[in-house]
Amino acid sequence: MKAIVFYTAATVEAFVFCFCGEYLSAKSKMIGDAAYKSFWYDLNPNQNKYILFVILRSQRRLTITAGKMMDLSLEGFTS
C-alpha cells in the first residue's frame, strides 16, 4: 500500500514539473506571435529593431530541463 501511494505521489510531482515546462514552452512561442501581430510597422526604425530582436529570440523555444539531459514537457512525461 505504501508503495502505491509513493508511486502516485512521485508521478504527480513529475507531472507538475512537466506541465510547467510545457506551459513555459507554449507561452514563449506566443511572445513572438504577439510581437509580430503588434503594429510594428508604425514604429520608427530604432524601435523596429527591438521588436525584431524579440521575434528572433522567441524562435528558440524556452524549456525547463532535468540536468540538461531531457526537456520537462508532456512528451517527456509520457515516455
PDB file of N, CA and C in Angstrom:
ATOM      1  N   MET A   1       0.824  -1.197   0.000  1.00  0.00           N
ATOM      2  CA  MET A   1       0.000   0.000   0.000  1.00  0.00           C
ATOM      3  C   MET A   1       0.867   1.260   0.000  1.00  0.00           C
ATOM      4  N   LYS A   2       1.936   1.258   0.810  1.00  0.00           N
ATOM      5  CA  LYS A   2       2.817   2.424   0.857  1.00  0.00           C
ATOM      6  C   LYS A   2       3.494   2.653  -0.487  1.00  0.00           C
ATOM      7  N   ALA A   3       3.815   1.572  -1.175  1.00  0.00           N
ATOM      8  CA  ALA A   3       4.478   1.694  -2.474  1.00  0.00           C
ATOM      9  C   ALA A   3       3.554   2.355  -3.494  1.00  0.00           C
ATOM     10  N   ILE A   4       2.288   2.037  -3.448  1.00  0.00           N
ATOM     11  CA  ILE A   4       1.324   2.632  -4.385  1.00  0.00           C
ATOM     12  C   ILE A   4       1.185   4.124  -4.120  1.00  0.00           C
ATOM     13  N   VAL A   5       1.103   4.505  -2.861  1.00  0.00           N
ATOM     14  CA  VAL A   5       0.994   5.917  -2.504  1.00  0.00           C
ATOM     15  C   VAL A   5       2.255   6.663  -2.925  1.00  0.00           C
ATOM     16  N   PHE A   6       3.426   6.078  -2.676  1.00  0.00           N
ATOM     17  CA  PHE A   6       4.685   6.711  -3.064  1.00  0.00           C
ATOM     18  C   PHE A   6       4.769   6.862  -4.581  1.00  0.00           C
ATOM     19  N   TYR A   7       4.419   5.820  -5.322  1.00  0.00           N
ATOM     20  CA  TYR A   7       4.468   5.876  -6.787  1.00  0.00           C
ATOM     21  C   TYR A   7       3.512   6.937  -7.322  1.00  0.00           C
ATOM     22  N   THR A   8       2.321   7.014  -6.757  1.00  0.00           N
ATOM     23  CA  THR A   8       1.347   8.020  -7.192  1.00  0.00           C
ATOM     24  C   THR A   8       1.853   9.428  -6.902  1.00  0.00           C
ATOM     25  N   ALA A   9       2.412   9.641  -5.730  1.00  0.00           N
ATOM     26  CA  ALA A   9       2.932  10.969  -5.377  1.00  0.00           C
ATOM     27  C   ALA A   9       4.097  11.360  -6.280  1.00  0.00           C
ATOM     28  N   ALA A  10       4.987  10.429  -6.574  1.00  0.00           N
ATOM     29  CA  ALA A  10       6.125  10.717  -7.453  1.00  0.00           C
ATOM     30  C   ALA A  10       5.656  11.025  -8.868  1.00  0.00           C
ATOM     31  N   THR A  11       4.645  10.312  -9.344  1.00  0.00           N
ATOM     32  CA  THR A  11       4.114  10.550 -10.685  1.00  0.00           C
ATOM     33  C   THR A  11       3.438  11.910 -10.770  1.00  0.00           C
ATOM     34  N   VAL A  12       2.667  12.270  -9.755  1.00  0.00           N
ATOM     35  CA  VAL A  12       2.004  13.576  -9.747  1.00  0.00           C
ATOM     36  C   VAL A  12       3.035  14.699  -9.694  1.00  0.00           C
ATOM     37  N   GLU A  13       4.074  14.523  -8.895  1.00  0.00           N
ATOM     38  CA  GLU A  13       5.118  15.542  -8.805  1.00  0.00           C
ATOM     39  C   GLU A  13       5.839  15.709 -10.143  1.00  0.00           C
ATOM     40  N   ALA A  14       6.153  14.611 -10.806  1.00  0.00           N
ATOM     41  CA  ALA A  14       6.797  14.688 -12.125  1.00  0.00           C
ATOM     42  C   ALA A  14       5.868  15.346 -13.133  1.00  0.00           C
ATOM     43  N   PHE A  15       4.572  15.041 -13.055  1.00  0.00           N
ATOM     44  CA  PHE A  15       3.614  15.648 -13.977  1.00  0.00           C
ATOM     45  C   PHE A  15       3.549  17.160 -13.795  1.00  0.00           C
ATOM     46  N   VAL A  16       3.584  17.627 -12.565  1.00  0.00           N
ATOM     47  CA  VAL A  16       3.515  19.072 -12.308  1.00  0.00           C
ATOM     48  C   VAL A  16       4.700  19.781 -12.948  1.00  0.00           C
ATOM     49  N   PHE A  17       5.896  19.248 -12.775  1.00  0.00           N
ATOM     50  CA  PHE A  17       7.078  19.860 -13.384  1.00  0.00           C
ATOM     51  C   PHE A  17       7.008  19.817 -14.908  1.00  0.00           C
ATOM     52  N   CYS A  18       6.571  18.695 -15.457  1.00  0.00           N
ATOM     53  CA  CYS A  18       6.470  18.574 -16.916  1.00  0.00           C
ATOM     54  C   CYS A  18       5.388  19.494 -17.468  1.00  0.00           C
ATOM     55  N   PHE A  19       4.296  19.645 -16.749  1.00  0.00           N
ATOM     56  CA  PHE A  19       3.238  20.547 -17.205  1.00  0.00           C
ATOM     57  C   PHE A  19       3.728  21.991 -17.197  1.00  0.00           C
ATOM     58  N   CYS A  20       4.472  22.377 -16.167  1.00  0.00           N
ATOM     59  CA  CYS A  20       5.032  23.732 -16.116  1.00  0.00           C
ATOM     60  C   CYS A  20       5.996  23.969 -17.271  1.00  0.00           C
ATOM     61  N   GLY A  21       6.799  22.977 -17.602  1.00  0.00           N
ATOM     62  CA  GLY A  21       7.708  23.098 -18.740  1.00  0.00           C
ATOM     63  C   GLY A  21       6.967  23.249 -20.053  1.00  0.00           C
ATOM     64  N   GLU A  22       5.896  22.508 -20.212  1.00  0.00           N
ATOM     65  CA  GLU A  22       5.082  22.614 -21.429  1.00  0.00           C
ATOM     66  C   GLU A  22       4.404  23.979 -21.512  1.00  0.00           C
ATOM     67  N   TYR A  23       3.916  24.469 -20.389  1.00  0.00           N
ATOM     68  CA  TYR A  23       3.268  25.779 -20.341  1.00  0.00           C
ATOM     69  C   TYR A  23       4.261  26.885 -20.694  1.00  0.00           C
ATOM     70  N   LEU A  24       5.471  26.803 -20.149  1.00  0.00           N
ATOM     71  CA  LEU A  24       6.508  27.785 -20.463  1.00  0.00           C
ATOM     72  C   LEU A  24       6.857  27.764 -21.943  1.00  0.00           C
ATOM     73  N   SER A  25       6.954  26.588 -22.507  1.00  0.00           N
ATOM     74  CA  SER A  25       7.290  26.457 -23.920  1.00  0.00           C
ATOM     75  C   SER A  25       6.199  27.064 -24.801  1.00  0.00           C
ATOM     76  N   ALA A  26       4.945  26.813 -24.463  1.00  0.00           N
ATOM     77  CA  ALA A  26       3.835  27.366 -25.248  1.00  0.00           C
ATOM     78  C   ALA A  26       3.786  28.886 -25.136  1.00  0.00           C
ATOM     79  N   LYS A  27       3.985  29.400 -23.946  1.00  0.00           N
ATOM     80  CA  LYS A  27       3.956  30.854 -23.756  1.00  0.00           C
ATOM     81  C   LYS A  27       5.125  31.536 -24.453  1.00  0.00           C
ATOM     82  N   SER A  28       6.287  30.891 -24.491  1.00  0.00           N
ATOM     83  CA  SER A  28       7.434  31.511 -25.159  1.00  0.00           C
ATOM     84  C   SER A  28       7.197  31.611 -26.657  1.00  0.00           C
ATOM     85  N   LYS A  29       6.467  30.661 -27.230  1.00  0.00           N
ATOM     86  CA  LYS A  29       6.127  30.744 -28.651  1.00  0.00           C
ATOM     87  C   LYS A  29       5.127  31.870 -28.898  1.00  0.00           C
ATOM     88  N   MET A  30       4.231  32.078 -27.959  1.00  0.00           N
ATOM     89  CA  MET A  30       3.214  33.113 -28.117  1.00  0.00           C
ATOM     90  C   MET A  30       3.807  34.520 -28.053  1.00  0.00           C
ATOM     91  N   ILE A  31       4.963  34.692 -27.423  1.00  0.00           N
ATOM     92  CA  ILE A  31       5.597  36.012 -27.344  1.00  0.00           C
ATOM     93  C   ILE A  31       5.962  36.505 -28.734  1.00  0.00           C
ATOM     94  N   GLY A  32       6.571  35.649 -29.537  1.00  0.00           N
ATOM     95  CA  GLY A  32       6.935  36.031 -30.903  1.00  0.00           C
ATOM     96  C   GLY A  32       5.724  36.331 -31.757  1.00  0.00           C
ATOM     97  N   ASP A  33       4.676  35.534 -31.605  1.00  0.00           N
ATOM     98  CA  ASP A  33       3.448  35.779 -32.362  1.00  0.00           C
ATOM     99  C   ASP A  33       2.826  37.116 -31.980  1.00  0.00           C
ATOM    100  N   ALA A  34       2.817  37.421 -30.697  1.00  0.00           N
ATOM    101  CA  ALA A  34       2.242  38.690 -30.239  1.00  0.00           C
ATOM    102  C   ALA A  34       3.068  39.873 -30.724  1.00  0.00           C
ATOM    103  N   ALA A  35       4.388  39.737 -30.724  1.00  0.00           N
ATOM    104  CA  ALA A  35       5.244  40.826 -31.209  1.00  0.00           C
ATOM    105  C   ALA A  35       5.021  41.053 -32.696  1.00  0.00           C
ATOM    106  N   TYR A  36       4.848  39.973 -33.452  1.00  0.00           N
ATOM    107  CA  TYR A  36       4.628  40.115 -34.892  1.00  0.00           C
ATOM    108  C   TYR A  36       3.271  40.749 -35.184  1.00  0.00           C
ATOM    109  N   LYS A  37       2.269  40.426 -34.381  1.00  0.00           N
ATOM    110  CA  LYS A  37       0.925  40.956 -34.611  1.00  0.00           C
ATOM    111  C   LYS A  37       0.751  42.382 -34.107  1.00  0.00           C
ATOM    112  N   SER A  38       1.760  42.901 -33.421  1.00  0.00           N
ATOM    113  CA  SER A  38       1.678  44.291 -32.965  1.00  0.00           C
ATOM    114  C   SER A  38       1.833  45.219 -34.166  1.00  0.00           C
ATOM    115  N   PHE A  39       1.636  46.496 -33.946  1.00  0.00           N
ATOM    116  CA  PHE A  39       1.746  47.473 -35.032  1.00  0.00           C
ATOM    117  C   PHE A  39       3.199  47.910 -35.191  1.00  0.00           C
ATOM    118  N   TRP A  40       4.070  46.952 -35.435  1.00  0.00           N
ATOM    119  CA  TRP A  40       5.498  47.227 -35.535  1.00  0.00           C
ATOM    120  C   TRP A  40       5.832  48.076 -36.747  1.00  0.00           C
ATOM    121  N   TYR A  41       5.016  48.011 -37.769  1.00  0.00           N
ATOM    122  CA  TYR A  41       5.286  48.770 -38.994  1.00  0.00           C
ATOM    123  C   TYR A  41       5.004  50.257 -38.807  1.00  0.00           C
ATOM    124  N   ASP A  42       4.300  50.634 -37.753  1.00  0.00           N
ATOM    125  CA  ASP A  42       4.042  52.047 -37.471  1.00  0.00           C
ATOM    126  C   ASP A  42       5.128  52.680 -36.595  1.00  0.00           C
ATOM    127  N   LEU A  43       6.061  51.884 -36.111  1.00  0.00           N
ATOM    128  CA  LEU A  43       7.112  52.394 -35.234  1.00  0.00           C
ATOM    129  C   LEU A  43       8.281  52.933 -36.053  1.00  0.00           C
ATOM    130  N   ASN A  44       9.129  53.683 -35.387  1.00  0.00           N
ATOM    131  CA  ASN A  44      10.316  54.173 -36.089  1.00  0.00           C
ATOM    132  C   ASN A  44      11.344  53.040 -36.190  1.00  0.00           C
ATOM    133  N   PRO A  45      12.327  53.176 -37.078  1.00  0.00           N
ATOM    134  CA  PRO A  45      13.282  52.077 -37.311  1.00  0.00           C
ATOM    135  C   PRO A  45      14.048  51.636 -36.067  1.00  0.00           C
ATOM    136  N   ASN A  46      14.337  52.545 -35.162  1.00  0.00           N
ATOM    137  CA  ASN A  46      15.052  52.156 -33.949  1.00  0.00           C
ATOM    138  C   ASN A  46      14.197  51.230 -33.082  1.00  0.00           C
ATOM    139  N   GLN A  47      12.919  51.519 -32.969  1.00  0.00           N
ATOM    140  CA  GLN A  47      12.021  50.668 -32.186  1.00  0.00           C
ATOM    141  C   GLN A  47      11.746  49.350 -32.911  1.00  0.00           C
ATOM    142  N   ASN A  48      11.776  49.376 -34.241  1.00  0.00           N
ATOM    143  CA  ASN A  48      11.580  48.143 -35.001  1.00  0.00           C
ATOM    144  C   ASN A  48      12.674  47.128 -34.704  1.00  0.00           C
ATOM    145  N   LYS A  49      13.889  47.611 -34.446  1.00  0.00           N
ATOM    146  CA  LYS A  49      14.985  46.696 -34.125  1.00  0.00           C
ATOM    147  C   LYS A  49      14.693  45.926 -32.844  1.00  0.00           C
ATOM    148  N   TYR A  50      14.096  46.597 -31.865  1.00  0.00           N
ATOM    149  CA  TYR A  50      13.779  45.915 -30.610  1.00  0.00           C
ATOM    150  C   TYR A  50      12.728  44.823 -30.824  1.00  0.00           C
ATOM    151  N   ILE A  51      11.726  45.135 -31.624  1.00  0.00           N
ATOM    152  CA  ILE A  51      10.696  44.135 -31.930  1.00  0.00           C
ATOM    153  C   ILE A  51      11.319  42.966 -32.687  1.00  0.00           C
ATOM    154  N   LEU A  52      12.220  43.266 -33.612  1.00  0.00           N
ATOM    155  CA  LEU A  52      12.891  42.215 -34.372  1.00  0.00           C
ATOM    156  C   LEU A  52      13.701  41.306 -33.450  1.00  0.00           C
ATOM    157  N   PHE A  53      14.394  41.882 -32.477  1.00  0.00           N
ATOM    158  CA  PHE A  53      15.159  41.070 -31.527  1.00  0.00           C
ATOM    159  C   PHE A  53      14.239  40.169 -30.703  1.00  0.00           C
ATOM    160  N   VAL A  54      13.086  40.678 -30.322  1.00  0.00           N
ATOM    161  CA  VAL A  54      12.128  39.859 -29.565  1.00  0.00           C
ATOM    162  C   VAL A  54      11.645  38.698 -30.420  1.00  0.00           C
ATOM    163  N   ILE A  55      11.323  38.979 -31.676  1.00  0.00           N
ATOM    164  CA  ILE A  55      10.846  37.922 -32.571  1.00  0.00           C
ATOM    165  C   ILE A  55      11.942  36.887 -32.814  1.00  0.00           C
ATOM    166  N   LEU A  56      13.164  37.349 -33.051  1.00  0.00           N
ATOM    167  CA  LEU A  56      14.265  36.412 -33.289  1.00  0.00           C
ATOM    168  C   LEU A  56      14.542  35.549 -32.065  1.00  0.00           C
ATOM    169  N   ARG A  57      14.514  36.139 -30.889  1.00  0.00           N
ATOM    170  CA  ARG A  57      14.789  35.375 -29.672  1.00  0.00           C
ATOM    171  C   ARG A  57      13.678  34.373 -29.377  1.00  0.00           C
ATOM    172  N   SER A  58      12.462  34.729 -29.703  1.00  0.00           N
ATOM    173  CA  SER A  58      11.348  33.836 -29.387  1.00  0.00           C
ATOM    174  C   SER A  58      11.276  32.640 -30.333  1.00  0.00           C
ATOM    175  N   GLN A  59      12.077  32.626 -31.383  1.00  0.00           N
ATOM    176  CA  GLN A  59      12.085  31.466 -32.272  1.00  0.00           C
ATOM    177  C   GLN A  59      12.794  30.276 -31.634  1.00  0.00           C
ATOM    178  N   ARG A  60      13.665  30.532 -30.650  1.00  0.00           N
ATOM    179  CA  ARG A  60      14.267  29.444 -29.881  1.00  0.00           C
ATOM    180  C   ARG A  60      13.352  29.147 -28.703  1.00  0.00           C
ATOM    181  N   ARG A  61      12.927  27.924 -28.603  1.00  0.00           N
ATOM    182  CA  ARG A  61      11.957  27.528 -27.599  1.00  0.00           C
ATOM    183  C   ARG A  61      12.578  27.545 -26.204  1.00  0.00           C
ATOM    184  N   LEU A  62      11.876  28.134 -25.250  1.00  0.00           N
ATOM    185  CA  LEU A  62      12.305  28.083 -23.854  1.00  0.00           C
ATOM    186  C   LEU A  62      11.866  26.751 -23.254  1.00  0.00           C
ATOM    187  N   THR A  63      12.744  26.125 -22.523  1.00  0.00           N
ATOM    188  CA  THR A  63      12.399  24.853 -21.894  1.00  0.00           C
ATOM    189  C   THR A  63      12.999  24.786 -20.494  1.00  0.00           C
ATOM    190  N   ILE A  64      12.411  23.949 -19.696  1.00  0.00           N
ATOM    191  CA  ILE A  64      12.982  23.575 -18.411  1.00  0.00           C
ATOM    192  C   ILE A  64      13.570  22.186 -18.624  1.00  0.00           C
ATOM    193  N   THR A  65      14.811  21.995 -18.220  1.00  0.00           N
ATOM    194  CA  THR A  65      15.444  20.695 -18.429  1.00  0.00           C
ATOM    195  C   THR A  65      15.744  20.026 -17.095  1.00  0.00           C
ATOM    196  N   ALA A  66      15.865  18.725 -17.158  1.00  0.00           N
ATOM    197  CA  ALA A  66      16.264  17.935 -15.992  1.00  0.00           C
ATOM    198  C   ALA A  66      17.748  17.632 -16.148  1.00  0.00           C
ATOM    199  N   GLY A  67      18.585  18.474 -15.572  1.00  0.00           N
ATOM    200  CA  GLY A  67      20.019  18.274 -15.657  1.00  0.00           C
ATOM    201  C   GLY A  67      20.572  18.383 -17.064  1.00  0.00           C
ATOM    202  N   LYS A  68      19.934  19.148 -17.912  1.00  0.00           N
ATOM    203  CA  LYS A  68      20.299  19.319 -19.325  1.00  0.00           C
ATOM    204  C   LYS A  68      20.330  17.998 -20.086  1.00  0.00           C
ATOM    205  N   MET A  69      19.613  16.999 -19.554  1.00  0.00           N
ATOM    206  CA  MET A  69      19.551  15.711 -20.241  1.00  0.00           C
ATOM    207  C   MET A  69      18.251  15.550 -21.009  1.00  0.00           C
ATOM    208  N   MET A  70      17.155  16.047 -20.457  1.00  0.00           N
ATOM    209  CA  MET A  70      15.868  15.932 -21.141  1.00  0.00           C
ATOM    210  C   MET A  70      15.012  17.140 -20.812  1.00  0.00           C
ATOM    211  N   ASP A  71      14.160  17.488 -21.761  1.00  0.00           N
ATOM    212  CA  ASP A  71      13.224  18.586 -21.556  1.00  0.00           C
ATOM    213  C   ASP A  71      12.078  18.112 -20.679  1.00  0.00           C
ATOM    214  N   LEU A  72      11.659  18.982 -19.767  1.00  0.00           N
ATOM    215  CA  LEU A  72      10.483  18.669 -18.962  1.00  0.00           C
ATOM    216  C   LEU A  72       9.270  19.156 -19.733  1.00  0.00           C
ATOM    217  N   SER A  73       8.644  18.242 -20.434  1.00  0.00           N
ATOM    218  CA  SER A  73       7.452  18.544 -21.218  1.00  0.00           C
ATOM    219  C   SER A  73       6.509  17.353 -21.100  1.00  0.00           C
ATOM    220  N   LEU A  74       5.316  17.512 -21.611  1.00  0.00           N
ATOM    221  CA  LEU A  74       4.362  16.406 -21.544  1.00  0.00           C
ATOM    222  C   LEU A  74       4.816  15.238 -22.408  1.00  0.00           C
ATOM    223  N   GLU A  75       5.541  15.541 -23.485  1.00  0.00           N
ATOM    224  CA  GLU A  75       6.097  14.468 -24.313  1.00  0.00           C
ATOM    225  C   GLU A  75       7.119  13.659 -23.521  1.00  0.00           C
ATOM    226  N   GLY A  76       7.960  14.345 -22.774  1.00  0.00           N
ATOM    227  CA  GLY A  76       8.932  13.649 -21.937  1.00  0.00           C
ATOM    228  C   GLY A  76       8.279  12.894 -20.791  1.00  0.00           C
ATOM    229  N   PHE A  77       7.167  13.408 -20.295  1.00  0.00           N
ATOM    230  CA  PHE A  77       6.456  12.743 -19.199  1.00  0.00           C
ATOM    231  C   PHE A  77       5.872  11.411 -19.653  1.00  0.00           C
ATOM    232  N   THR A  78       5.373  11.372 -20.879  1.00  0.00           N
ATOM    233  CA  THR A  78       4.738  10.143 -21.356  1.00  0.00           C
ATOM    234  C   THR A  78       5.741   9.094 -21.807  1.00  0.00           C
ATOM    235  N   SER A  79       6.987   9.492 -22.014  1.00  0.00           N
ATOM    236  CA  SER A  79       7.971   8.491 -22.471  1.00  0.00           C
ATOM    237  C   SER A  79       8.751   7.893 -21.317  1.00  0.00           C
TER     238      SER A  79
END
